[in-house]
Amino acid sequence: MWDVTVTIDSTVPTYLGDPSFKRRVVQAIADGKPADVSLLTLSAHIGTHVDAPSHLIPGGKTVDALDLTAMVGLARVVEFDAPGAITAEFLEGIDSLSADERILFKTRNSSLWEKQVFAEEYVGLSVDAADWLIAKGVRLVGIDYLSIDAPGDADLPVHRALLANEVVIVESLNLRQVPEGHYQLVCLPMKVGGSEGAPARVILLP
């Protein structure tokens, strides 16, 4: 089993403008209370998380309404070791990729988790790659950093294309130790009513 979830704590980087993680103990056994109880403050898009269509699409599904069958099942880990964006040309060159419904991209982003601040030079997808994935019927796309969009476009066109077609986006995966290949994916976001996204625990099974 591979746990490909990033640990959420005070050191995890957040996307530009997103609130950081804070944990405060409001009851402590050490103070004579019967139990330890924490108050957590965090973005819905911190650490490993799922984006629902309502993140960018008005009236789109919220995270609690997503089809769980899209997030549980056979997935393929694809390694992209070049700089720049993942393109449709790259995807077209991978044997039988079009048959996969869930695709997770392992990139140079893996080394960025060593930094506690947001790194602006990361690998994302091009719009033509998003269009290719949509045309092939992919139901879920994951990547190993904080955004599926390549840097440089604040309008987030890759997010918009995928979410408009109800393709589930999983961001901030930790794929450092995972070889390319097929796995059984279990991706379960927190069931937060009305939210546009939520942190998720994600595992891969051989």
C-alpha atoms as a PDB file:
ATOM      1  CA  MET A   1       0.000   0.000   0.000  1.00  0.00           C
ATOM      2  CA  TRP A   2       1.223   3.510  -0.841  1.00  0.00           C
ATOM      3  CA  ASP A   3      -0.136   6.419   1.176  1.00  0.00           C
ATOM      4  CA  VAL A   4       0.206   9.272  -1.328  1.00  0.00           C
ATOM      5  CA  THR A   5      -1.291  11.888   0.981  1.00  0.00           C
ATOM      6  CA  VAL A   6       0.709  14.937   2.057  1.00  0.00           C
ATOM      7  CA  THR A   7       0.721  15.414   5.833  1.00  0.00           C
ATOM      8  CA  ILE A   8      -1.174  18.553   6.844  1.00  0.00           C
ATOM      9  CA  ASP A   9       0.732  20.569   9.418  1.00  0.00           C
ATOM     10  CA  SER A  10       2.154  24.061   9.909  1.00  0.00           C
ATOM     11  CA  THR A  11       4.967  23.418   7.409  1.00  0.00           C
ATOM     12  CA  VAL A  12       2.896  22.389   4.384  1.00  0.00           C
ATOM     13  CA  PRO A  13       2.994  25.027   1.591  1.00  0.00           C
ATOM     14  CA  THR A  14      -0.265  26.550   0.374  1.00  0.00           C
ATOM     15  CA  TYR A  15      -1.277  28.006  -2.965  1.00  0.00           C
ATOM     16  CA  LEU A  16      -0.858  31.786  -3.244  1.00  0.00           C
ATOM     17  CA  GLY A  17      -3.499  33.536  -1.146  1.00  0.00           C
ATOM     18  CA  ASP A  18      -4.800  30.390   0.557  1.00  0.00           C
ATOM     19  CA  PRO A  19      -4.846  30.331   4.367  1.00  0.00           C
ATOM     20  CA  SER A  20      -2.254  28.181   6.081  1.00  0.00           C
ATOM     21  CA  PHE A  21      -2.976  25.367   8.527  1.00  0.00           C
ATOM     22  CA  LYS A  22      -3.389  26.162  12.212  1.00  0.00           C
ATOM     23  CA  ARG A  23      -4.082  23.796  15.092  1.00  0.00           C
ATOM     24  CA  ARG A  24      -4.898  24.976  18.602  1.00  0.00           C
ATOM     25  CA  VAL A  25      -5.525  22.681  21.571  1.00  0.00           C
ATOM     26  CA  VAL A  26      -8.706  23.898  23.286  1.00  0.00           C
ATOM     27  CA  GLN A  27      -8.837  21.124  25.877  1.00  0.00           C
ATOM     28  CA  ALA A  28      -5.826  19.249  27.231  1.00  0.00           C
ATOM     29  CA  ILE A  29      -5.440  16.193  29.427  1.00  0.00           C
ATOM     30  CA  ALA A  30      -2.365  17.901  30.859  1.00  0.00           C
ATOM     31  CA  ASP A  31      -4.665  20.655  32.175  1.00  0.00           C
ATOM     32  CA  GLY A  32      -6.968  18.200  33.905  1.00  0.00           C
ATOM     33  CA  LYS A  33      -9.496  17.837  31.071  1.00  0.00           C
ATOM     34  CA  PRO A  34     -10.833  14.368  30.220  1.00  0.00           C
ATOM     35  CA  ALA A  35      -9.521  14.494  26.628  1.00  0.00           C
ATOM     36  CA  ASP A  36      -7.349  16.390  24.200  1.00  0.00           C
ATOM     37  CA  VAL A  37      -9.473  18.439  21.751  1.00  0.00           C
ATOM     38  CA  SER A  38      -8.081  20.521  18.883  1.00  0.00           C
ATOM     39  CA  LEU A  39      -9.486  23.406  16.872  1.00  0.00           C
ATOM     40  CA  LEU A  40      -8.342  23.230  13.240  1.00  0.00           C
ATOM     41  CA  THR A  41      -8.263  26.144  10.788  1.00  0.00           C
ATOM     42  CA  LEU A  42      -7.448  25.260   7.193  1.00  0.00           C
ATOM     43  CA  SER A  43      -8.221  25.902   3.546  1.00  0.00           C
ATOM     44  CA  ALA A  44     -10.420  23.418   1.702  1.00  0.00           C
ATOM     45  CA  HIS A  45      -7.510  23.190  -0.750  1.00  0.00           C
ATOM     46  CA  ILE A  46      -4.667  22.486   1.644  1.00  0.00           C
ATOM     47  CA  GLY A  47      -2.468  19.424   1.338  1.00  0.00           C
ATOM     48  CA  THR A  48      -3.803  16.539  -0.740  1.00  0.00           C
ATOM     49  CA  HIS A  49      -7.303  17.584  -1.764  1.00  0.00           C
ATOM     50  CA  VAL A  50     -10.109  17.220  -4.278  1.00  0.00           C
ATOM     51  CA  ASP A  51     -11.515  20.074  -6.370  1.00  0.00           C
ATOM     52  CA  ALA A  52     -15.224  19.857  -7.163  1.00  0.00           C
ATOM     53  CA  PRO A  53     -16.859  21.624 -10.140  1.00  0.00           C
ATOM     54  CA  SER A  54     -18.296  24.382  -7.903  1.00  0.00           C
ATOM     55  CA  HIS A  55     -14.715  25.534  -7.265  1.00  0.00           C
ATOM     56  CA  LEU A  56     -14.886  27.455 -10.566  1.00  0.00           C
ATOM     57  CA  ILE A  57     -18.173  26.555 -12.253  1.00  0.00           C
ATOM     58  CA  PRO A  58     -21.262  28.432 -10.955  1.00  0.00           C
ATOM     59  CA  GLY A  59     -23.917  25.901  -9.979  1.00  0.00           C
ATOM     60  CA  GLY A  60     -21.475  23.004 -10.297  1.00  0.00           C
ATOM     61  CA  LYS A  61     -21.460  20.010  -7.979  1.00  0.00           C
ATOM     62  CA  THR A  62     -20.019  20.454  -4.515  1.00  0.00           C
ATOM     63  CA  VAL A  63     -17.561  18.000  -3.011  1.00  0.00           C
ATOM     64  CA  ASP A  64     -20.213  16.156  -0.981  1.00  0.00           C
ATOM     65  CA  ALA A  65     -22.168  15.464  -4.187  1.00  0.00           C
ATOM     66  CA  LEU A  66     -19.320  13.929  -6.192  1.00  0.00           C
ATOM     67  CA  ASP A  67     -19.696  10.400  -7.537  1.00  0.00           C
ATOM     68  CA  LEU A  68     -17.445   8.223  -5.379  1.00  0.00           C
ATOM     69  CA  THR A  69     -17.056   5.711  -8.206  1.00  0.00           C
ATOM     70  CA  ALA A  70     -14.910   8.292 -10.005  1.00  0.00           C
ATOM     71  CA  MET A  71     -12.508   8.317  -7.051  1.00  0.00           C
ATOM     72  CA  VAL A  72     -12.255   4.596  -6.334  1.00  0.00           C
ATOM     73  CA  GLY A  73     -10.980   2.146  -8.937  1.00  0.00           C
ATOM     74  CA  LEU A  74      -8.169   1.392 -11.349  1.00  0.00           C
ATOM     75  CA  ALA A  75      -5.728   4.277 -11.843  1.00  0.00           C
ATOM     76  CA  ARG A  76      -2.520   4.752 -13.791  1.00  0.00           C
ATOM     77  CA  VAL A  77       0.548   6.614 -12.542  1.00  0.00           C
ATOM     78  CA  VAL A  78       2.351   8.309 -15.425  1.00  0.00           C
ATOM     79  CA  GLU A  79       5.805   9.843 -15.012  1.00  0.00           C
ATOM     80  CA  PHE A  80       6.660  13.121 -16.756  1.00  0.00           C
ATOM     81  CA  ASP A  81      10.272  14.057 -16.140  1.00  0.00           C
ATOM     82  CA  ALA A  82      10.642  17.106 -18.397  1.00  0.00           C
ATOM     83  CA  PRO A  83      10.375  20.811 -17.554  1.00  0.00           C
ATOM     84  CA  GLY A  84       7.377  22.757 -18.786  1.00  0.00           C
ATOM     85  CA  ALA A  85       3.770  21.693 -19.113  1.00  0.00           C
ATOM     86  CA  ILE A  86       2.368  18.231 -19.805  1.00  0.00           C
ATOM     87  CA  THR A  87       0.961  18.427 -23.338  1.00  0.00           C
ATOM     88  CA  ALA A  88      -1.445  16.477 -25.519  1.00  0.00           C
ATOM     89  CA  GLU A  89       1.508  15.435 -27.673  1.00  0.00           C
ATOM     90  CA  PHE A  90       3.131  13.794 -24.648  1.00  0.00           C
ATOM     91  CA  LEU A  91      -0.108  12.019 -23.721  1.00  0.00           C
ATOM     92  CA  GLU A  92      -0.643  10.794 -27.275  1.00  0.00           C
ATOM     93  CA  GLY A  93       2.755   9.105 -27.175  1.00  0.00           C
ATOM     94  CA  ILE A  94       1.965   6.911 -24.149  1.00  0.00           C
ATOM     95  CA  ASP A  95       0.843   3.424 -25.071  1.00  0.00           C
ATOM     96  CA  SER A  96      -2.833   2.669 -24.338  1.00  0.00           C
ATOM     97  CA  LEU A  97      -3.240   5.681 -22.027  1.00  0.00           C
ATOM     98  CA  SER A  98      -6.583   6.500 -23.601  1.00  0.00           C
ATOM     99  CA  ALA A  99      -8.060   3.383 -21.986  1.00  0.00           C
ATOM    100  CA  ASP A 100      -7.442   4.671 -18.435  1.00  0.00           C
ATOM    101  CA  GLU A 101     -10.225   6.445 -16.547  1.00  0.00           C
ATOM    102  CA  ARG A 102      -8.028   7.784 -13.719  1.00  0.00           C
ATOM    103  CA  ILE A 103      -4.575   9.234 -14.358  1.00  0.00           C
ATOM    104  CA  LEU A 104      -2.074  10.512 -11.779  1.00  0.00           C
ATOM    105  CA  PHE A 105       0.942  12.495 -12.961  1.00  0.00           C
ATOM    106  CA  LYS A 106       4.277  12.037 -11.216  1.00  0.00           C
ATOM    107  CA  THR A 107       6.574  14.951 -12.120  1.00  0.00           C
ATOM    108  CA  ARG A 108       9.546  16.992 -10.978  1.00  0.00           C
ATOM    109  CA  ASN A 109       7.132  18.568  -8.515  1.00  0.00           C
ATOM    110  CA  SER A 110       7.979  15.787  -6.059  1.00  0.00           C
ATOM    111  CA  SER A 111      11.083  17.651  -4.901  1.00  0.00           C
ATOM    112  CA  LEU A 112       9.048  20.782  -4.149  1.00  0.00           C
ATOM    113  CA  TRP A 113       7.547  19.245  -1.008  1.00  0.00           C
ATOM    114  CA  GLU A 114      10.887  19.853   0.670  1.00  0.00           C
ATOM    115  CA  LYS A 115      10.108  23.598   0.602  1.00  0.00           C
ATOM    116  CA  GLN A 116       7.756  25.210   3.119  1.00  0.00           C
ATOM    117  CA  VAL A 117       6.793  28.059   0.783  1.00  0.00           C
ATOM    118  CA  PHE A 118       4.874  27.946  -2.482  1.00  0.00           C
ATOM    119  CA  ALA A 119       7.162  27.267  -5.455  1.00  0.00           C
ATOM    120  CA  GLU A 120       6.104  29.123  -8.600  1.00  0.00           C
ATOM    121  CA  GLU A 121       8.121  26.925 -10.970  1.00  0.00           C
ATOM    122  CA  TYR A 122       6.112  23.720 -11.000  1.00  0.00           C
ATOM    123  CA  VAL A 123       4.791  21.343 -13.644  1.00  0.00           C
ATOM    124  CA  GLY A 124       1.129  21.458 -14.626  1.00  0.00           C
ATOM    125  CA  LEU A 125      -1.033  20.574 -17.628  1.00  0.00           C
ATOM    126  CA  SER A 126      -1.531  22.528 -20.826  1.00  0.00           C
ATOM    127  CA  VAL A 127      -5.061  23.251 -22.043  1.00  0.00           C
ATOM    128  CA  ASP A 128      -4.643  20.874 -24.976  1.00  0.00           C
ATOM    129  CA  ALA A 129      -3.717  18.111 -22.508  1.00  0.00           C
ATOM    130  CA  ALA A 130      -6.909  18.808 -20.560  1.00  0.00           C
ATOM    131  CA  ASP A 131      -8.932  18.677 -23.777  1.00  0.00           C
ATOM    132  CA  TRP A 132      -7.264  15.363 -24.695  1.00  0.00           C
ATOM    133  CA  LEU A 133      -8.133  13.840 -21.316  1.00  0.00           C
ATOM    134  CA  ILE A 134     -11.740  15.015 -21.575  1.00  0.00           C
ATOM    135  CA  ALA A 135     -12.101  13.616 -25.110  1.00  0.00           C
ATOM    136  CA  LYS A 136     -10.800  10.228 -23.937  1.00  0.00           C
ATOM    137  CA  GLY A 137     -13.365  10.009 -21.138  1.00  0.00           C
ATOM    138  CA  VAL A 138     -10.970  10.324 -18.195  1.00  0.00           C
ATOM    139  CA  ARG A 139     -12.927  10.686 -14.932  1.00  0.00           C
ATOM    140  CA  LEU A 140     -10.156  11.764 -12.552  1.00  0.00           C
ATOM    141  CA  VAL A 141      -6.823  13.540 -12.965  1.00  0.00           C
ATOM    142  CA  GLY A 142      -4.247  13.961 -10.211  1.00  0.00           C
ATOM    143  CA  ILE A 143      -0.927  15.775  -9.943  1.00  0.00           C
ATOM    144  CA  ASP A 144       1.838  16.033  -7.374  1.00  0.00           C
ATOM    145  CA  TYR A 145       1.671  19.737  -6.525  1.00  0.00           C
ATOM    146  CA  LEU A 146      -0.758  22.489  -5.608  1.00  0.00           C
ATOM    147  CA  SER A 147      -2.273  23.198  -9.022  1.00  0.00           C
ATOM    148  CA  ILE A 148      -3.215  21.162 -12.084  1.00  0.00           C
ATOM    149  CA  ASP A 149      -2.783  24.324 -14.202  1.00  0.00           C
ATOM    150  CA  ALA A 150       0.681  25.184 -15.442  1.00  0.00           C
ATOM    151  CA  PRO A 151       2.068  28.425 -13.962  1.00  0.00           C
ATOM    152  CA  GLY A 152       1.291  31.728 -15.613  1.00  0.00           C
ATOM    153  CA  ASP A 153      -2.468  31.840 -16.236  1.00  0.00           C
ATOM    154  CA  ALA A 154      -4.492  33.211 -13.320  1.00  0.00           C
ATOM    155  CA  ASP A 155      -7.759  32.275 -15.069  1.00  0.00           C
ATOM    156  CA  LEU A 156      -7.002  28.568 -14.474  1.00  0.00           C
ATOM    157  CA  PRO A 157      -8.153  27.283 -17.890  1.00  0.00           C
ATOM    158  CA  VAL A 158      -7.202  23.655 -17.179  1.00  0.00           C
ATOM    159  CA  HIS A 159      -9.249  23.667 -13.979  1.00  0.00           C
ATOM    160  CA  ARG A 160     -12.180  25.208 -15.839  1.00  0.00           C
ATOM    161  CA  ALA A 161     -12.076  22.718 -18.701  1.00  0.00           C
ATOM    162  CA  LEU A 162     -11.844  19.651 -16.469  1.00  0.00           C
ATOM    163  CA  LEU A 163     -14.391  20.792 -13.895  1.00  0.00           C
ATOM    164  CA  ALA A 164     -16.894  21.918 -16.553  1.00  0.00           C
ATOM    165  CA  ASN A 165     -16.826  18.312 -17.768  1.00  0.00           C
ATOM    166  CA  GLU A 166     -17.087  16.926 -14.203  1.00  0.00           C
ATOM    167  CA  VAL A 167     -13.579  15.470 -14.238  1.00  0.00           C
ATOM    168  CA  VAL A 168     -12.455  15.159 -10.619  1.00  0.00           C
ATOM    169  CA  ILE A 169      -9.186  16.983  -9.871  1.00  0.00           C
ATOM    170  CA  VAL A 170      -6.857  15.690  -7.146  1.00  0.00           C
ATOM    171  CA  GLU A 171      -3.968  17.974  -6.263  1.00  0.00           C
ATOM    172  CA  SER A 172      -0.907  17.779  -4.007  1.00  0.00           C
ATOM    173  CA  LEU A 173      -0.306  14.047  -4.231  1.00  0.00           C
ATOM    174  CA  ASN A 174       2.936  12.643  -2.842  1.00  0.00           C
ATOM    175  CA  LEU A 175       4.094  10.222  -5.535  1.00  0.00           C
ATOM    176  CA  ARG A 176       7.825  10.273  -4.774  1.00  0.00           C
ATOM    177  CA  GLN A 177       8.073   6.564  -3.964  1.00  0.00           C
ATOM    178  CA  VAL A 178       5.488   5.265  -6.451  1.00  0.00           C
ATOM    179  CA  PRO A 179       6.674   3.621  -9.692  1.00  0.00           C
ATOM    180  CA  GLU A 180       4.778   4.084 -12.928  1.00  0.00           C
ATOM    181  CA  GLY A 181       2.009   1.596 -13.511  1.00  0.00           C
ATOM    182  CA  HIS A 182      -1.539   0.607 -12.626  1.00  0.00           C
ATOM    183  CA  TYR A 183      -2.933   0.658  -9.092  1.00  0.00           C
ATOM    184  CA  GLN A 184      -6.228   0.560  -7.277  1.00  0.00           C
ATOM    185  CA  LEU A 185      -6.963   4.121  -6.204  1.00  0.00           C
ATOM    186  CA  VAL A 186      -8.911   5.024  -3.078  1.00  0.00           C
ATOM    187  CA  CYS A 187      -9.459   8.790  -2.841  1.00  0.00           C
ATOM    188  CA  LEU A 188     -11.960   9.884  -0.204  1.00  0.00           C
ATOM    189  CA  PRO A 189     -12.430  13.628   0.337  1.00  0.00           C
ATOM    190  CA  MET A 190     -14.003  14.882   3.535  1.00  0.00           C
ATOM    191  CA  LYS A 191     -17.773  15.104   3.098  1.00  0.00           C
ATOM    192  CA  VAL A 192     -18.116  18.833   3.697  1.00  0.00           C
ATOM    193  CA  GLY A 193     -21.597  20.002   2.760  1.00  0.00           C
ATOM    194  CA  GLY A 194     -21.671  22.707   0.100  1.00  0.00           C
ATOM    195  CA  SER A 195     -17.881  22.992  -0.176  1.00  0.00           C
ATOM    196  CA  GLU A 196     -16.048  23.481  -3.462  1.00  0.00           C
ATOM    197  CA  GLY A 197     -13.288  21.144  -2.323  1.00  0.00           C
ATOM    198  CA  ALA A 198     -11.924  19.219   0.631  1.00  0.00           C
ATOM    199  CA  PRO A 199      -8.780  17.533   1.912  1.00  0.00           C
ATOM    200  CA  ALA A 200      -8.626  13.831   1.072  1.00  0.00           C
ATOM    201  CA  ARG A 201      -6.822  10.703   2.229  1.00  0.00           C
ATOM    202  CA  VAL A 202      -5.510   8.986  -0.878  1.00  0.00           C
ATOM    203  CA  ILE A 203      -3.953   5.519  -1.092  1.00  0.00           C
ATOM    204  CA  LEU A 204      -2.805   3.280  -3.921  1.00  0.00           C
ATOM    205  CA  LEU A 205      -3.042  -0.503  -3.750  1.00  0.00           C
ATOM    206  CA  PRO A 206      -1.081  -2.853  -6.048  1.00  0.00           C
END
